[in-house]
Amino acid sequence: MALQTITQDALVESLFEIIRCHGYEGTTIALLSDITGLKKSSLYHRFPAGKDDMVKAVVQYVSAQLQQFIIAPLLEHQVPPEERFSTMLVTARGFYSAGNKNCLLNVLSLGEAKDDIKTLLQQDYTAWSAALSALAQESGLTPPEAAARAEHFLIAVQGALVVQRLTDNPLTFDNCMAYQQKQFFRQSDD
């Protein structure tokens, strides 16, 4: 039998999909071994602290993706704010497979994920929220309004993912994002 080989990047991407589907507690070393084709000893060789090291690698991978494809484009000031927001929605739609894939923040914030993993996730949430808030301020919203819009948007993303899973309505995420597109830059009536 040939030895199973996989690059570190491909392995982390596989681990991401497994953890995204099964959560922290539902992801076992045996499951990871079965799905990746690597023996448990190979997984421990690459990740000496076991599942915790694997989850940290996944969070770091997702953080890099979030920074590169969501946050950095939101902060590109030479592009109009509405266009940056629209691009972010397209990217988020792809990342969440139109609402069919879980958010790592969602699956790892529940249960027994370690505090340092939750801290990394909080940093990602804070960075995304800050980028959205800056975008909203650039379009003319006051800092408090902008912060509220950013928070409401991120809550809407998480809520749409959960409700779509619950109802099996494949349009929930897209409908929510279309609504957010209309509402994000709307000036307050106050």
Protein backbone atom coordinates (compact mmCIF):
# COMPACT_ATOMS: atom_id res chain seq x y z
CA MET A 1 0.00 0.00 0.00
CA ALA A 2 1.37 3.42 -0.98
CA LEU A 3 1.96 6.01 1.70
CA GLN A 4 -0.64 8.75 1.80
CA THR A 5 0.91 12.18 1.27
CA ILE A 6 -0.72 15.56 1.42
CA THR A 7 0.73 19.05 1.49
CA GLN A 8 0.33 21.08 4.66
CA ASP A 9 -1.90 23.61 2.88
CA ALA A 10 -4.15 20.89 1.45
CA LEU A 11 -4.29 19.22 4.86
CA VAL A 12 -5.31 22.43 6.63
CA GLU A 13 -7.99 23.07 3.98
CA SER A 14 -9.33 19.53 4.55
CA LEU A 15 -9.25 20.01 8.31
CA PHE A 16 -11.15 23.28 7.88
CA GLU A 17 -13.97 21.58 6.00
CA ILE A 18 -14.14 18.75 8.55
CA ILE A 19 -14.21 21.10 11.55
CA ARG A 20 -16.68 23.37 9.78
CA CYS A 21 -19.03 20.40 9.35
CA HIS A 22 -18.55 18.64 12.69
CA GLY A 23 -17.56 21.40 15.12
CA TYR A 24 -14.86 21.16 17.74
CA GLU A 25 -16.41 18.43 19.84
CA GLY A 26 -17.63 16.38 16.87
CA THR A 27 -14.22 16.36 15.23
CA THR A 28 -12.17 13.42 16.45
CA ILE A 29 -8.66 12.34 15.52
CA ALA A 30 -10.17 9.11 14.15
CA LEU A 31 -12.52 11.10 11.89
CA LEU A 32 -9.70 13.36 10.75
CA SER A 33 -7.56 10.33 10.00
CA ASP A 34 -10.35 8.62 8.05
CA ILE A 35 -11.19 11.66 5.93
CA THR A 36 -7.65 12.88 5.26
CA GLY A 37 -6.27 9.39 4.67
CA LEU A 38 -3.42 10.06 7.08
CA LYS A 39 -2.64 7.77 9.98
CA LYS A 40 -3.19 9.16 13.43
CA SER A 41 0.57 9.10 14.00
CA SER A 42 1.07 11.28 10.90
CA LEU A 43 -1.48 13.78 12.18
CA TYR A 44 0.25 13.91 15.58
CA HIS A 45 3.62 14.30 13.86
CA ARG A 46 2.35 17.40 12.05
CA PHE A 47 0.28 18.64 14.98
CA PRO A 48 1.97 17.53 18.24
CA ALA A 49 -0.79 18.93 20.49
CA GLY A 50 -3.39 17.03 18.50
CA LYS A 51 -6.77 18.53 17.78
CA ASP A 52 -5.94 21.84 19.46
CA ASP A 53 -2.98 22.41 17.11
CA MET A 54 -5.14 21.42 14.15
CA VAL A 55 -7.89 23.84 15.13
CA LYS A 56 -5.35 26.64 15.62
CA ALA A 57 -3.92 25.94 12.15
CA VAL A 58 -7.44 26.07 10.70
CA VAL A 59 -8.26 29.34 12.49
CA GLN A 60 -4.99 30.86 11.25
CA TYR A 61 -5.82 29.67 7.71
CA VAL A 62 -9.31 31.20 7.87
CA SER A 63 -7.90 34.40 9.40
CA ALA A 64 -5.51 34.76 6.47
CA GLN A 65 -8.37 34.16 4.01
CA LEU A 66 -10.57 36.68 5.81
CA GLN A 67 -7.81 39.27 5.82
CA GLN A 68 -6.90 38.78 2.17
CA PHE A 69 -10.34 38.40 0.60
CA ILE A 70 -12.71 40.31 2.91
CA ILE A 71 -10.96 42.86 5.12
CA ALA A 72 -8.22 44.17 2.81
CA PRO A 73 -10.65 44.74 -0.09
CA LEU A 74 -13.05 46.57 2.26
CA LEU A 75 -10.24 48.99 3.08
CA GLU A 76 -9.26 49.78 -0.54
CA HIS A 77 -10.18 53.47 -0.49
CA GLN A 78 -9.74 53.98 -4.25
CA VAL A 79 -12.86 51.82 -4.84
CA PRO A 80 -16.30 53.29 -3.99
CA PRO A 81 -17.72 51.97 -0.68
CA GLU A 82 -20.83 50.44 -2.27
CA GLU A 83 -18.68 48.52 -4.75
CA ARG A 84 -16.43 47.21 -1.95
CA PHE A 85 -19.48 46.09 0.01
CA SER A 86 -20.91 44.33 -3.04
CA THR A 87 -17.60 42.58 -3.67
CA MET A 88 -17.51 41.46 -0.04
CA LEU A 89 -21.02 40.00 -0.38
CA VAL A 90 -19.96 38.00 -3.45
CA THR A 91 -16.89 36.74 -1.59
CA ALA A 92 -18.91 35.84 1.50
CA ARG A 93 -21.46 34.04 -0.65
CA GLY A 94 -18.69 31.92 -2.13
CA PHE A 95 -17.00 31.33 1.21
CA TYR A 96 -20.24 30.15 2.81
CA SER A 97 -21.36 28.35 -0.36
CA ALA A 98 -24.51 30.51 -0.56
CA GLY A 99 -25.29 29.73 3.07
CA ASN A 100 -24.75 25.98 2.83
CA LYS A 101 -21.52 25.88 4.84
CA ASN A 102 -21.07 26.76 8.49
CA CYS A 103 -19.04 29.64 9.78
CA LEU A 104 -16.02 28.66 11.84
CA LEU A 105 -16.95 31.37 14.35
CA ASN A 106 -20.30 29.67 14.80
CA VAL A 107 -19.05 26.10 15.23
CA LEU A 108 -16.03 26.91 17.40
CA SER A 109 -17.65 29.44 19.72
CA LEU A 110 -19.85 26.71 21.18
CA GLY A 111 -18.72 23.87 23.38
CA GLU A 112 -15.24 23.16 24.55
CA ALA A 113 -13.01 25.12 22.17
CA LYS A 114 -10.03 26.48 24.08
CA ASP A 115 -9.92 30.10 25.17
CA ASP A 116 -6.94 30.89 22.93
CA ILE A 117 -8.92 29.63 19.92
CA LYS A 118 -11.89 31.77 20.92
CA THR A 119 -9.53 34.74 21.29
CA LEU A 120 -8.29 34.24 17.72
CA LEU A 121 -11.89 34.11 16.49
CA GLN A 122 -12.74 37.28 18.44
CA GLN A 123 -9.84 39.04 16.75
CA ASP A 124 -11.20 38.07 13.33
CA TYR A 125 -14.69 39.23 14.25
CA THR A 126 -13.32 42.53 15.57
CA ALA A 127 -11.22 43.12 12.44
CA TRP A 128 -14.15 42.43 10.11
CA SER A 129 -16.43 44.64 12.19
CA ALA A 130 -13.87 47.46 12.21
CA ALA A 131 -13.44 47.27 8.42
CA LEU A 132 -17.21 47.40 7.93
CA SER A 133 -17.53 50.30 10.36
CA ALA A 134 -14.79 52.25 8.56
CA LEU A 135 -16.56 51.58 5.25
CA ALA A 136 -19.86 52.85 6.63
CA GLN A 137 -18.20 55.97 8.07
CA GLU A 138 -16.57 56.64 4.73
CA SER A 139 -20.03 56.65 3.16
CA GLY A 140 -21.22 59.32 5.60
CA LEU A 141 -22.59 57.46 8.59
CA THR A 142 -21.62 58.67 12.05
CA PRO A 143 -19.24 56.45 14.04
CA PRO A 144 -22.04 55.09 16.29
CA GLU A 145 -24.29 54.40 13.26
CA ALA A 146 -21.39 52.77 11.40
CA ALA A 147 -20.52 50.53 14.35
CA ALA A 148 -24.16 49.50 14.68
CA ARG A 149 -24.42 48.69 10.94
CA ALA A 150 -21.26 46.59 11.12
CA GLU A 151 -22.58 44.67 14.10
CA HIS A 152 -26.01 44.19 12.52
CA PHE A 153 -24.42 42.91 9.32
CA LEU A 154 -22.29 40.32 11.10
CA ILE A 155 -25.26 39.23 13.19
CA ALA A 156 -27.28 38.89 9.97
CA VAL A 157 -24.61 36.69 8.39
CA GLN A 158 -24.51 34.36 11.39
CA GLY A 159 -28.28 34.33 11.75
CA ALA A 160 -28.85 33.61 8.07
CA LEU A 161 -26.43 30.68 8.19
CA VAL A 162 -28.20 29.19 11.21
CA VAL A 163 -31.73 29.78 9.89
CA GLN A 164 -30.86 28.36 6.46
CA ARG A 165 -29.55 25.20 8.12
CA LEU A 166 -32.64 24.99 10.32
CA THR A 167 -35.23 25.55 7.57
CA ASP A 168 -33.44 23.99 4.59
CA ASN A 169 -34.50 27.07 2.62
CA PRO A 170 -31.64 27.52 0.11
CA LEU A 171 -32.55 31.19 -0.41
CA THR A 172 -32.29 32.39 3.20
CA PHE A 173 -28.65 33.48 3.04
CA ASP A 174 -28.95 35.13 -0.38
CA ASN A 175 -32.17 36.92 0.62
CA CYS A 176 -30.56 38.19 3.81
CA MET A 177 -27.47 39.42 1.95
CA ALA A 178 -29.68 41.18 -0.65
CA TYR A 179 -31.50 42.92 2.20
CA GLN A 180 -28.21 43.89 3.82
CA GLN A 181 -27.03 45.35 0.51
CA LYS A 182 -30.05 47.66 0.48
CA GLN A 183 -29.81 48.62 4.16
CA PHE A 184 -26.11 48.94 4.98
CA PHE A 185 -25.55 52.43 3.57
CA ARG A 186 -29.07 53.77 4.14
CA GLN A 187 -28.97 57.07 6.00
CA SER A 188 -30.89 57.10 9.28
CA ASP A 189 -34.23 58.85 9.40
CA ASP A 190 -33.47 60.28 12.86
